[in-house]
Amino acid sequence: MKALREQNPTLGDSKQGGHSLIGGLVVTLMLSLLVACASPPQVLEKSPSYVADRAPVESPLERLLPPPEASKSGVLLLADPFDALQARLHLVEAASSSLDLQYYLWQGDIVGRALTEAFLRAADRGVRVRLLLDDIYHSGRDEIYQTLDSHPNIQLRLFNPMGNRGALKTVNYALRKAEFNHRMHNKIFLADGLAAVMGGRNIGDEYFGLDESFNFQDLDVLVTGGGAEEAGEAFDQFWNATLSVPIDSLYPDTNRRDSLSAREELVVATDTLRTVLANSDAYAPNTRAWIESTRSSLTWADTRVIVDNPDRGPENIDTAFSIFATDPRLRPDREVTIQTAYLIPNGPTMDTLGGLAARGVTISILTNSAASNNHGTVHAYYMPYRTALIQAGISLYELQATGDLSDYLSRTGAMARAGLHTKAMVIDNEVSVIGSYNMDPRSRVWNTEIALLVFSDSIAEAVHDEMSRDFDPAAAWCVTLDEKDRLIWRGKSDGEVVSLEQEPGIGWWQRFLWSLLRLLPLENEM
């Protein structure tokens, strides 16, 4: 504004000046929008790399490989939040050659900082670290990313990054939503190409029972052998994809920071986390002992990794998860039990579920309630489908935010609410599916997703046992219809059986706002 006033000393002092001021603001706004409307960065050259480039040398994780005569994968469920966290920490500690980490969300809280400090120490001892993150929820962290990337053994790439990296990043997303709505929802934590953790958990306190106000129930799986090899192939596919952009390509004229001296916060987070873990009965401080314990607990099974193409989206809608309609091993004959954090069964989903129920397949689905859902907008668009689901013969459950599961999840002693983040199913007590795919249009159309299929009766039984706790009346509401097709929520509260005619956890005002929201054509973007 100073330059404008120097060019026109009467700016703002007359009617004409007022018009000039308005004009200047309009021009400024238009320029801001044009800047915000920046296209995704184009990287013409980048060096491809692969898991196989760094063959492990005397990796302790070789102890987790299947015996030579078994062409199967080793599988271990990681349902307990602390077990899932410790598995990641021990994999980093055991890695001798490479760590390949792919996540939709990596937060800067205690867990996020502690795992960052862990892979920094691994990089210090010569382990190559490749970190691939989706760009949507990581605003304002570019300087941190550049610092990490400056380590000679760490490479960091962002998936489908916004062209504008500053305060207008959100506007950039809104104005070019057709391009930037395509997100990478995959989760892989792979060490030495030999052992991988897959499933639903992102990296953050609330995924491991350490948030004092809200924690997620979730499910991961440790896989070794062929399953880990396929996870590595999936990682390589995304790492070398056109949409995966090296962080230094976003700032080609910026001097890369070569100082990694600011580790004090990371070390403090690690010490805090170790103290919390040490107070747990499941604490396993010795990595070699953890490997031996894990080896004895593995189930050897046939597995398959299914993963979307990196460039999928509304114009390339084919999803790897269409396999459920084509592979006879994945078509339920008797029953299917499903947990999905977000449920909007539009498109072919409702017809598929209804068709299965019509054939006599028993279907049970657990999703979030209004009080446990961390995305209220998703719940708003899910609400109208409940009656149709129940009328189709599907048993529908919604997680209680303050039920028994909230006590199980919280490892801090705080009274934290519970939310469901699991994306898993069991088919005919024979096949388990554990991954990142929700039953909503965002997973079906927009996101890339990944899952591990496990063909094992014993693993299916173990997953079903874990799910049973979450379906318990003290942990979830069973949603049914009365004789007039009105919704009823039945469950236990404070040890007493209750039946509610109004949706628990929300009032009339929230229901009214959500009814207004549903007037907007946003359902396919949830």
Protein backbone atom coordinates (compact mmCIF):
# COMPACT_ATOMS: atom_id res chain seq x y z
CA MET A 1 0.00 0.00 0.00
CA LYS A 2 2.90 2.39 0.61
CA ALA A 3 3.97 2.17 -3.02
CA LEU A 4 0.40 2.83 -4.20
CA ARG A 5 0.15 5.93 -2.01
CA GLU A 6 3.45 7.28 -3.31
CA GLN A 7 2.15 6.95 -6.87
CA ASN A 8 -1.18 8.59 -5.98
CA PRO A 9 -0.98 10.98 -3.01
CA THR A 10 -4.77 11.50 -3.00
CA LEU A 11 -5.53 7.76 -2.57
CA GLY A 12 -8.46 7.45 -0.18
CA ASP A 13 -8.98 11.24 0.13
CA SER A 14 -11.81 11.53 -2.43
CA LYS A 15 -14.58 9.55 -4.05
CA GLN A 16 -12.24 8.77 -6.94
CA GLY A 17 -9.57 7.74 -4.47
CA GLY A 18 -12.07 5.47 -2.73
CA HIS A 19 -12.81 3.74 -6.02
CA SER A 20 -9.06 3.37 -6.55
CA LEU A 21 -8.69 1.79 -3.14
CA ILE A 22 -11.46 -0.68 -3.90
CA GLY A 23 -9.92 -1.37 -7.28
CA GLY A 24 -6.56 -1.95 -5.66
CA LEU A 25 -8.06 -4.40 -3.20
CA VAL A 26 -9.81 -6.24 -6.01
CA VAL A 27 -6.55 -6.45 -7.96
CA THR A 28 -4.73 -7.67 -4.86
CA LEU A 29 -7.41 -10.28 -4.24
CA MET A 30 -7.29 -11.46 -7.86
CA LEU A 31 -3.51 -11.70 -7.76
CA SER A 32 -3.72 -13.66 -4.52
CA LEU A 33 -6.19 -16.08 -6.07
CA LEU A 34 -3.99 -16.48 -9.13
CA VAL A 35 -1.01 -17.22 -6.90
CA ALA A 36 -3.09 -19.62 -4.84
CA CYS A 37 -4.22 -21.29 -8.03
CA ALA A 38 -0.71 -22.54 -8.71
CA SER A 39 -0.47 -25.85 -10.54
CA PRO A 40 1.14 -28.89 -8.95
CA PRO A 41 4.94 -28.76 -9.26
CA GLN A 42 6.35 -30.51 -12.32
CA VAL A 43 9.51 -32.52 -11.72
CA LEU A 44 11.10 -33.54 -15.00
CA GLU A 45 13.97 -35.50 -13.51
CA LYS A 46 14.33 -37.40 -10.28
CA SER A 47 16.37 -40.40 -9.38
CA PRO A 48 14.36 -43.61 -9.07
CA SER A 49 15.20 -45.93 -6.22
CA TYR A 50 13.98 -49.31 -5.00
CA VAL A 51 13.91 -51.45 -1.89
CA ALA A 52 16.19 -53.94 -3.63
CA ASP A 53 18.90 -51.28 -4.03
CA ARG A 54 19.78 -51.75 -0.37
CA ALA A 55 19.98 -55.47 0.29
CA PRO A 56 20.13 -56.07 4.05
CA VAL A 57 23.44 -57.18 5.49
CA GLU A 58 23.12 -59.43 8.53
CA SER A 59 19.80 -57.90 9.44
CA PRO A 60 18.37 -59.21 12.73
CA LEU A 61 15.00 -59.16 10.96
CA GLU A 62 16.03 -62.15 8.88
CA ARG A 63 14.98 -64.14 11.94
CA LEU A 64 11.38 -63.25 11.02
CA LEU A 65 11.53 -64.80 7.55
CA PRO A 66 9.53 -67.97 6.87
CA PRO A 67 11.39 -71.29 6.87
CA PRO A 68 12.83 -72.26 3.47
CA GLU A 69 10.21 -74.94 2.89
CA ALA A 70 7.27 -72.56 3.48
CA SER A 71 6.32 -70.24 0.62
CA LYS A 72 4.18 -68.16 2.95
CA SER A 73 4.24 -64.90 4.87
CA GLY A 74 4.62 -64.44 8.59
CA VAL A 75 1.61 -62.60 10.03
CA LEU A 76 1.06 -61.04 13.46
CA LEU A 77 -1.91 -58.88 14.43
CA LEU A 78 -1.13 -55.59 16.16
CA ALA A 79 -4.43 -54.64 17.76
CA ASP A 80 -3.09 -53.27 21.04
CA PRO A 81 -1.91 -49.66 20.58
CA PHE A 82 1.32 -50.20 22.52
CA ASP A 83 2.13 -53.39 20.60
CA ALA A 84 1.69 -51.47 17.35
CA LEU A 85 3.93 -48.65 18.56
CA GLN A 86 6.65 -50.92 19.90
CA ALA A 87 6.69 -52.88 16.64
CA ARG A 88 7.58 -49.71 14.75
CA LEU A 89 10.24 -48.69 17.26
CA HIS A 90 11.87 -52.13 17.18
CA LEU A 91 11.79 -52.29 13.38
CA VAL A 92 13.70 -49.01 13.25
CA GLU A 93 16.18 -50.23 15.83
CA ALA A 94 16.74 -53.52 13.98
CA ALA A 95 17.06 -52.03 10.48
CA SER A 96 20.52 -52.48 9.00
CA SER A 97 20.06 -51.15 5.46
CA SER A 98 16.76 -49.39 4.74
CA LEU A 99 13.58 -47.91 6.16
CA ASP A 100 10.71 -47.13 3.77
CA LEU A 101 7.93 -45.15 5.44
CA GLN A 102 4.72 -44.13 3.66
CA TYR A 103 1.96 -42.26 5.48
CA TYR A 104 -1.08 -40.09 4.96
CA LEU A 105 -0.47 -38.30 8.27
CA TRP A 106 2.66 -37.96 10.41
CA GLN A 107 2.01 -35.61 13.31
CA GLY A 108 4.47 -33.51 15.29
CA ASP A 109 3.38 -34.81 18.70
CA ILE A 110 5.16 -37.19 21.09
CA VAL A 111 4.80 -40.28 18.90
CA GLY A 112 5.60 -38.40 15.70
CA ARG A 113 8.72 -36.78 17.15
CA ALA A 114 9.92 -39.95 18.86
CA LEU A 115 9.66 -42.02 15.67
CA THR A 116 11.39 -39.21 13.77
CA GLU A 117 14.24 -39.27 16.29
CA ALA A 118 14.42 -43.04 15.92
CA PHE A 119 14.81 -43.01 12.15
CA LEU A 120 17.31 -40.14 12.42
CA ARG A 121 19.48 -42.33 14.62
CA ALA A 122 19.10 -45.12 12.08
CA ALA A 123 20.20 -42.74 9.32
CA ASP A 124 23.21 -41.74 11.44
CA ARG A 125 24.37 -45.35 11.45
CA GLY A 126 24.03 -45.63 7.65
CA VAL A 127 20.46 -46.82 7.13
CA ARG A 128 18.82 -45.30 4.04
CA VAL A 129 15.50 -43.70 4.98
CA ARG A 130 12.85 -42.90 2.38
CA LEU A 131 9.88 -40.98 3.78
CA LEU A 132 6.84 -40.44 1.55
CA LEU A 133 4.02 -38.30 2.96
CA ASP A 134 0.76 -37.05 1.57
CA ASP A 135 0.78 -33.26 1.41
CA ILE A 136 -2.79 -32.46 2.47
CA TYR A 137 -2.38 -32.25 6.28
CA HIS A 138 1.24 -31.15 6.51
CA SER A 139 1.07 -27.39 6.00
CA GLY A 140 3.83 -25.30 7.50
CA ARG A 141 6.31 -28.16 7.85
CA ASP A 142 8.43 -27.63 4.75
CA GLU A 143 11.40 -26.27 6.70
CA ILE A 144 11.35 -29.38 8.91
CA TYR A 145 11.15 -31.57 5.82
CA GLN A 146 14.06 -29.75 4.21
CA THR A 147 16.11 -30.22 7.36
CA LEU A 148 15.40 -33.95 7.43
CA ASP A 149 16.10 -34.25 3.73
CA SER A 150 19.48 -32.57 4.23
CA HIS A 151 20.70 -35.68 6.05
CA PRO A 152 22.81 -37.67 3.56
CA ASN A 153 20.86 -40.84 4.30
CA ILE A 154 17.32 -39.40 4.31
CA GLN A 155 15.16 -38.64 1.29
CA LEU A 156 11.73 -37.04 1.66
CA ARG A 157 9.01 -36.77 -0.98
CA LEU A 158 5.49 -35.34 -0.88
CA PHE A 159 2.59 -36.87 -2.76
CA ASN A 160 0.60 -34.52 -5.01
CA PRO A 161 1.90 -31.36 -3.28
CA MET A 162 0.12 -28.02 -3.59
CA GLY A 163 1.75 -25.54 -5.92
CA ASN A 164 1.44 -22.81 -3.29
CA ARG A 165 3.32 -23.59 -0.10
CA GLY A 166 2.37 -20.53 1.97
CA ALA A 167 -0.72 -19.20 3.70
CA LEU A 168 -2.79 -19.62 0.53
CA LYS A 169 -2.24 -23.38 0.37
CA THR A 170 -5.82 -24.05 1.47
CA VAL A 171 -7.14 -21.67 -1.19
CA ASN A 172 -4.93 -23.44 -3.73
CA TYR A 173 -6.64 -26.70 -2.76
CA ALA A 174 -10.14 -25.23 -3.01
CA LEU A 175 -9.59 -23.65 -6.43
CA ARG A 176 -7.93 -26.72 -7.98
CA LYS A 177 -9.86 -29.38 -6.12
CA ALA A 178 -10.14 -31.64 -9.16
CA GLU A 179 -6.36 -32.11 -9.03
CA PHE A 180 -5.64 -31.85 -5.33
CA ASN A 181 -8.56 -33.96 -4.09
CA HIS A 182 -6.52 -36.99 -5.17
CA ARG A 183 -4.73 -38.05 -1.98
CA MET A 184 -2.46 -40.91 -0.88
CA HIS A 185 -4.05 -42.72 2.08
CA ASN A 186 -1.58 -45.66 2.14
CA LYS A 187 0.29 -46.73 5.27
CA ILE A 188 3.52 -48.76 5.12
CA PHE A 189 6.32 -49.06 7.69
CA LEU A 190 8.95 -51.32 6.08
CA ALA A 191 12.36 -52.25 7.51
CA ASP A 192 15.15 -53.82 5.43
CA GLY A 193 12.52 -54.97 2.93
CA LEU A 194 11.95 -57.91 5.31
CA ALA A 195 9.20 -56.86 7.74
CA ALA A 196 6.37 -54.38 7.26
CA VAL A 197 3.61 -52.93 9.40
CA MET A 198 0.43 -52.23 7.44
CA GLY A 199 -3.07 -51.28 8.48
CA GLY A 200 -5.07 -48.25 9.48
CA ARG A 201 -2.86 -46.30 11.88
CA ASN A 202 -1.29 -43.00 10.96
CA ILE A 203 1.58 -41.65 13.06
CA GLY A 204 0.25 -39.62 15.97
CA ASP A 205 -0.56 -39.87 19.68
CA GLU A 206 -4.27 -40.63 19.19
CA TYR A 207 -3.50 -43.76 17.15
CA PHE A 208 -1.50 -45.29 20.02
CA GLY A 209 -3.62 -44.48 23.09
CA LEU A 210 -1.51 -41.48 24.14
CA ASP A 211 -3.88 -38.58 23.53
CA GLU A 212 -5.51 -37.25 26.69
CA SER A 213 -8.80 -36.31 25.03
CA PHE A 214 -9.44 -38.64 22.07
CA ASN A 215 -7.98 -42.01 20.96
CA PHE A 216 -8.67 -44.27 18.00
CA GLN A 217 -9.41 -47.97 18.04
CA ASP A 218 -7.40 -49.31 15.09
CA LEU A 219 -5.79 -52.44 13.70
CA ASP A 220 -2.37 -53.06 12.15
CA VAL A 221 -0.65 -56.22 11.02
CA LEU A 222 3.03 -57.14 10.90
CA VAL A 223 3.90 -59.13 7.78
CA THR A 224 7.18 -60.73 6.75
CA GLY A 225 8.33 -62.81 3.80
CA GLY A 226 6.28 -62.50 0.60
CA GLY A 227 3.85 -60.01 2.13
CA ALA A 228 6.70 -57.66 3.08
CA GLU A 229 8.18 -58.04 -0.40
CA GLU A 230 4.85 -57.00 -1.97
CA ALA A 231 4.62 -54.07 0.46
CA GLY A 232 8.05 -52.98 -0.77
CA GLU A 233 6.92 -53.20 -4.39
CA ALA A 234 3.91 -51.05 -3.53
CA PHE A 235 6.15 -48.51 -1.83
CA ASP A 236 8.51 -48.36 -4.82
CA GLN A 237 5.55 -47.83 -7.15
CA PHE A 238 4.50 -44.73 -5.20
CA TRP A 239 8.01 -43.46 -4.46
CA ASN A 240 8.86 -43.36 -8.16
CA ALA A 241 5.44 -42.08 -9.27
CA THR A 242 5.15 -38.77 -11.10
CA LEU A 243 3.02 -37.33 -8.27
CA SER A 244 5.71 -38.01 -5.64
CA VAL A 245 7.82 -34.85 -5.55
CA PRO A 246 11.18 -34.50 -3.75
CA ILE A 247 11.01 -31.73 -1.16
CA ASP A 248 14.09 -30.03 -2.60
CA SER A 249 12.29 -29.71 -5.97
CA LEU A 250 9.77 -27.41 -4.30
CA TYR A 251 12.58 -25.07 -3.22
CA PRO A 252 15.24 -25.29 -5.95
CA ASP A 253 16.75 -21.90 -5.12
CA THR A 254 16.87 -22.38 -1.37
CA ASN A 255 20.06 -23.36 0.38
CA ARG A 256 19.46 -26.72 1.97
CA ARG A 257 19.89 -26.61 5.69
CA ASP A 258 22.68 -28.93 6.69
CA SER A 259 22.19 -28.61 10.42
CA LEU A 260 20.38 -31.30 12.34
CA SER A 261 21.34 -29.87 15.70
CA ALA A 262 17.75 -29.18 16.77
CA ARG A 263 17.18 -32.68 18.09
CA GLU A 264 16.51 -31.72 21.69
CA GLU A 265 12.72 -31.80 21.20
CA LEU A 266 12.94 -35.18 19.51
CA VAL A 267 15.09 -36.66 22.28
CA VAL A 268 12.70 -35.32 24.94
CA ALA A 269 9.77 -36.92 23.08
CA THR A 270 11.65 -40.23 22.92
CA ASP A 271 12.41 -40.14 26.65
CA THR A 272 8.76 -39.33 27.41
CA LEU A 273 7.58 -42.19 25.24
CA ARG A 274 9.98 -44.68 26.81
CA THR A 275 8.75 -43.70 30.27
CA VAL A 276 5.13 -44.29 29.23
CA LEU A 277 5.97 -47.61 27.57
CA ALA A 278 8.01 -48.75 30.57
CA ASN A 279 4.89 -48.51 32.72
CA SER A 280 3.09 -50.96 30.46
CA ASP A 281 2.95 -54.70 31.14
CA ALA A 282 3.66 -55.24 27.43
CA TYR A 283 6.89 -53.21 27.45
CA ALA A 284 9.69 -54.94 25.49
CA PRO A 285 12.83 -52.79 25.71
CA ASN A 286 15.18 -55.30 24.07
CA THR A 287 14.89 -55.43 20.27
CA ARG A 288 16.47 -58.86 19.86
CA ALA A 289 14.17 -60.28 22.52
CA TRP A 290 11.21 -58.65 20.75
CA ILE A 291 12.27 -60.27 17.47
CA GLU A 292 12.44 -63.72 19.07
CA SER A 293 9.09 -63.24 20.79
CA THR A 294 7.57 -62.03 17.53
CA ARG A 295 9.01 -64.97 15.60
CA SER A 296 7.37 -67.45 17.96
CA SER A 297 4.05 -65.61 17.59
CA LEU A 298 3.93 -65.45 13.77
CA THR A 299 1.31 -67.36 11.84
CA TRP A 300 2.48 -68.62 8.43
CA ALA A 301 -0.18 -67.91 5.84
CA ASP A 302 -0.85 -67.09 2.20
CA THR A 303 -1.14 -63.33 1.78
CA ARG A 304 -1.66 -60.78 -0.95
CA VAL A 305 -1.16 -57.01 -1.00
CA ILE A 306 -3.69 -55.04 -3.05
CA VAL A 307 -2.91 -51.41 -3.79
CA ASP A 308 -4.32 -48.67 -6.00
CA ASN A 309 -2.32 -47.06 -8.77
CA PRO A 310 -0.73 -43.74 -7.74
CA ASP A 311 -2.48 -41.85 -10.55
CA ARG A 312 -6.03 -43.04 -9.84
CA GLY A 313 -8.82 -40.53 -9.46
CA PRO A 314 -12.24 -39.64 -10.89
CA GLU A 315 -10.86 -39.80 -14.45
CA ASN A 316 -9.06 -43.09 -13.75
CA ILE A 317 -11.47 -44.59 -11.29
CA ASP A 318 -10.37 -48.22 -11.41
CA THR A 319 -9.55 -49.31 -7.90
CA ALA A 320 -7.64 -52.36 -6.81
CA PHE A 321 -10.46 -53.03 -4.37
CA SER A 322 -12.75 -54.05 -7.23
CA ILE A 323 -11.07 -57.42 -6.67
CA PHE A 324 -13.84 -58.13 -4.16
CA ALA A 325 -16.29 -58.35 -7.05
CA THR A 326 -14.11 -60.61 -9.19
CA ASP A 327 -12.14 -62.96 -6.93
CA PRO A 328 -14.34 -65.91 -5.81
CA ARG A 329 -12.24 -66.31 -2.64
CA LEU A 330 -13.43 -62.86 -1.54
CA ARG A 331 -17.15 -63.39 -2.11
CA PRO A 332 -18.86 -64.20 1.18
CA ASP A 333 -21.05 -67.30 1.24
CA ARG A 334 -22.00 -67.26 4.92
CA GLU A 335 -20.98 -64.10 6.77
CA VAL A 336 -18.87 -60.97 6.63
CA THR A 337 -17.93 -58.79 9.60
CA ILE A 338 -16.80 -55.25 8.80
CA GLN A 339 -15.27 -52.37 10.71
CA THR A 340 -15.01 -49.08 8.85
CA ALA A 341 -14.35 -45.70 10.38
CA TYR A 342 -16.35 -43.86 7.72
CA LEU A 343 -19.44 -45.35 6.10
CA ILE A 344 -21.25 -43.72 3.18
CA PRO A 345 -22.53 -46.67 1.12
CA ASN A 346 -23.45 -44.82 -2.06
CA GLY A 347 -22.69 -45.83 -5.64
CA PRO A 348 -22.36 -49.61 -5.99
CA THR A 349 -21.71 -50.20 -2.28
CA MET A 350 -25.34 -50.25 -1.14
CA ASP A 351 -26.35 -52.61 -3.97
CA THR A 352 -23.44 -54.93 -3.17
CA LEU A 353 -24.29 -55.12 0.52
CA GLY A 354 -28.01 -55.54 -0.18
CA GLY A 355 -27.30 -58.26 -2.73
CA LEU A 356 -25.17 -60.22 -0.27
CA ALA A 357 -27.83 -59.96 2.43
CA ALA A 358 -30.50 -61.08 -0.05
CA ARG A 359 -28.42 -64.23 -0.72
CA GLY A 360 -28.51 -65.04 2.99
CA VAL A 361 -25.07 -63.72 3.93
CA THR A 362 -24.96 -62.44 7.52
CA ILE A 363 -23.46 -58.94 7.50
CA SER A 364 -22.37 -57.00 10.59
CA ILE A 365 -20.91 -53.50 10.30
CA LEU A 366 -19.40 -51.32 13.01
CA THR A 367 -18.79 -47.65 12.25
CA ASN A 368 -18.57 -44.43 14.23
CA SER A 369 -21.42 -42.79 16.09
CA ALA A 370 -22.06 -39.06 16.05
CA ALA A 371 -20.09 -38.69 19.29
CA SER A 372 -17.12 -40.83 18.23
CA ASN A 373 -16.72 -39.62 14.64
CA ASN A 374 -13.82 -37.21 14.20
CA HIS A 375 -15.32 -36.06 10.87
CA GLY A 376 -18.81 -34.78 11.60
CA THR A 377 -19.41 -34.00 7.94
CA VAL A 378 -18.97 -37.68 7.08
CA HIS A 379 -21.51 -38.61 9.75
CA ALA A 380 -23.95 -36.07 8.29
CA TYR A 381 -23.95 -37.86 4.93
CA TYR A 382 -23.96 -41.34 6.50
CA MET A 383 -27.12 -40.71 8.56
CA PRO A 384 -29.68 -41.11 5.73
CA TYR A 385 -28.35 -44.58 4.82
CA ARG A 386 -28.98 -46.21 8.20
CA THR A 387 -32.61 -47.13 7.63
CA ALA A 388 -31.87 -48.67 4.21
CA LEU A 389 -28.97 -50.69 5.62
CA ILE A 390 -31.09 -52.11 8.43
CA GLN A 391 -34.05 -52.81 6.15
CA ALA A 392 -31.68 -54.72 3.85
CA GLY A 393 -30.97 -57.10 6.73
CA ILE A 394 -27.60 -55.71 7.81
CA SER A 395 -26.73 -55.61 11.52
CA LEU A 396 -25.53 -52.05 12.13
CA TYR A 397 -23.45 -50.87 15.10
CA GLU A 398 -22.03 -47.49 16.10
CA LEU A 399 -19.13 -47.06 18.51
CA GLN A 400 -19.85 -45.49 21.89
CA ALA A 401 -17.47 -42.59 22.44
CA THR A 402 -17.36 -43.12 26.20
CA GLY A 403 -18.00 -46.85 26.42
CA ASP A 404 -15.72 -49.65 27.57
CA LEU A 405 -13.39 -49.18 24.61
CA SER A 406 -12.43 -45.68 25.77
CA ASP A 407 -10.92 -47.16 28.94
CA TYR A 408 -9.09 -49.86 26.96
CA LEU A 409 -7.53 -47.34 24.56
CA SER A 410 -6.35 -44.65 26.94
CA ARG A 411 -2.82 -45.30 28.21
CA THR A 412 -2.41 -41.94 29.91
CA GLY A 413 -4.99 -42.36 32.67
CA ALA A 414 -7.03 -39.50 31.24
CA MET A 415 -10.75 -39.84 30.51
CA ALA A 416 -10.43 -39.77 26.73
CA ARG A 417 -13.18 -40.39 24.19
CA ALA A 418 -12.86 -43.28 21.78
CA GLY A 419 -13.18 -43.20 18.01
CA LEU A 420 -13.07 -45.97 15.42
CA HIS A 421 -10.31 -45.85 12.79
CA THR A 422 -10.10 -49.56 11.89
CA LYS A 423 -10.57 -50.59 8.27
CA ALA A 424 -10.89 -54.38 8.34
CA MET A 425 -13.19 -57.25 7.51
CA VAL A 426 -13.44 -61.00 7.99
CA ILE A 427 -15.02 -63.11 5.24
CA ASP A 428 -16.55 -66.50 6.12
CA ASN A 429 -14.07 -66.84 9.00
CA GLU A 430 -11.43 -67.68 6.41
CA VAL A 431 -10.10 -64.44 4.89
CA SER A 432 -9.03 -61.25 6.69
CA VAL A 433 -8.63 -57.84 5.06
CA ILE A 434 -6.61 -55.25 6.99
CA GLY A 435 -5.70 -51.92 5.46
CA SER A 436 -6.58 -48.30 4.81
CA TYR A 437 -9.81 -48.59 2.79
CA ASN A 438 -13.02 -47.08 4.22
CA MET A 439 -16.49 -47.78 2.82
CA ASP A 440 -17.00 -44.26 1.55
CA PRO A 441 -16.67 -42.43 -1.79
CA ARG A 442 -13.37 -40.85 -0.74
CA SER A 443 -11.72 -44.27 -0.58
CA ARG A 444 -13.71 -45.63 -3.52
CA VAL A 445 -13.04 -42.73 -5.90
CA TRP A 446 -10.47 -40.19 -4.72
CA ASN A 447 -7.82 -41.72 -2.48
CA THR A 448 -5.22 -44.34 -3.14
CA GLU A 449 -5.54 -47.20 -0.67
CA ILE A 450 -3.73 -50.40 0.31
CA ALA A 451 -4.62 -53.57 2.19
CA LEU A 452 -3.21 -56.94 3.16
CA LEU A 453 -5.33 -60.00 2.43
CA VAL A 454 -4.63 -62.96 4.72
CA PHE A 455 -5.94 -66.41 3.79
CA SER A 456 -5.86 -68.12 7.18
CA ASP A 457 -8.59 -69.50 9.42
CA SER A 458 -6.54 -68.80 12.56
CA ILE A 459 -5.84 -65.18 11.63
CA ALA A 460 -9.50 -64.72 10.69
CA GLU A 461 -10.48 -66.07 14.10
CA ALA A 462 -8.02 -63.72 15.82
CA VAL A 463 -9.33 -60.68 13.91
CA HIS A 464 -12.90 -61.73 14.69
CA ASP A 465 -12.04 -62.02 18.39
CA GLU A 466 -10.60 -58.50 18.37
CA MET A 467 -13.71 -57.20 16.63
CA SER A 468 -16.02 -58.93 19.09
CA ARG A 469 -14.82 -56.68 21.90
CA ASP A 470 -15.73 -53.62 19.85
CA PHE A 471 -19.23 -54.92 19.01
CA ASP A 472 -20.01 -55.57 22.70
CA PRO A 473 -23.09 -53.65 23.98
CA ALA A 474 -20.88 -51.79 26.46
CA ALA A 475 -18.68 -50.54 23.61
CA ALA A 476 -21.13 -50.02 20.74
CA TRP A 477 -24.74 -49.14 20.07
CA CYS A 478 -26.77 -51.65 18.09
CA VAL A 479 -28.90 -49.53 15.75
CA THR A 480 -32.29 -51.06 14.90
CA LEU A 481 -35.78 -49.97 13.78
CA ASP A 482 -39.00 -50.02 15.77
CA GLU A 483 -42.39 -51.05 14.38
CA LYS A 484 -42.73 -47.60 12.75
CA ASP A 485 -39.25 -47.75 11.17
CA ARG A 486 -37.85 -45.22 13.62
CA LEU A 487 -34.21 -45.63 14.62
CA ILE A 488 -33.45 -47.10 18.05
CA TRP A 489 -30.01 -47.26 19.73
CA ARG A 490 -29.55 -50.16 22.17
CA GLY A 491 -26.54 -50.82 24.35
CA LYS A 492 -25.17 -50.64 27.87
CA SER A 493 -24.35 -47.49 29.78
CA ASP A 494 -22.86 -47.66 33.28
CA GLY A 495 -23.67 -51.35 33.33
CA GLU A 496 -27.36 -50.82 32.59
CA VAL A 497 -29.12 -51.85 29.37
CA VAL A 498 -30.55 -48.78 27.67
CA SER A 499 -32.70 -48.13 24.62
CA LEU A 500 -32.63 -44.64 23.12
CA GLU A 501 -35.02 -43.07 20.62
CA GLN A 502 -32.79 -40.05 20.00
CA GLU A 503 -29.32 -40.35 18.52
CA PRO A 504 -26.83 -40.31 21.41
CA GLY A 505 -24.13 -37.69 21.49
CA ILE A 506 -25.79 -34.89 19.52
CA GLY A 507 -28.64 -32.44 20.03
CA TRP A 508 -31.29 -30.99 17.74
CA TRP A 509 -29.10 -28.06 16.70
CA GLN A 510 -26.34 -30.33 15.37
CA ARG A 511 -28.90 -32.47 13.57
CA PHE A 512 -30.35 -29.34 12.00
CA LEU A 513 -26.94 -28.10 10.82
CA TRP A 514 -26.12 -31.49 9.34
CA SER A 515 -29.47 -31.55 7.52
CA LEU A 516 -28.52 -28.21 5.95
CA LEU A 517 -25.09 -29.55 5.03
CA ARG A 518 -26.69 -32.45 3.16
CA LEU A 519 -28.30 -29.94 0.82
CA LEU A 520 -24.83 -29.30 -0.61
CA PRO A 521 -23.58 -31.70 -3.32
CA LEU A 522 -20.57 -32.84 -1.29
CA GLU A 523 -21.41 -36.46 -0.50
CA ASN A 524 -18.99 -37.88 -3.07
CA GLU A 525 -16.13 -35.92 -1.54
CA MET A 526 -16.52 -37.27 1.98
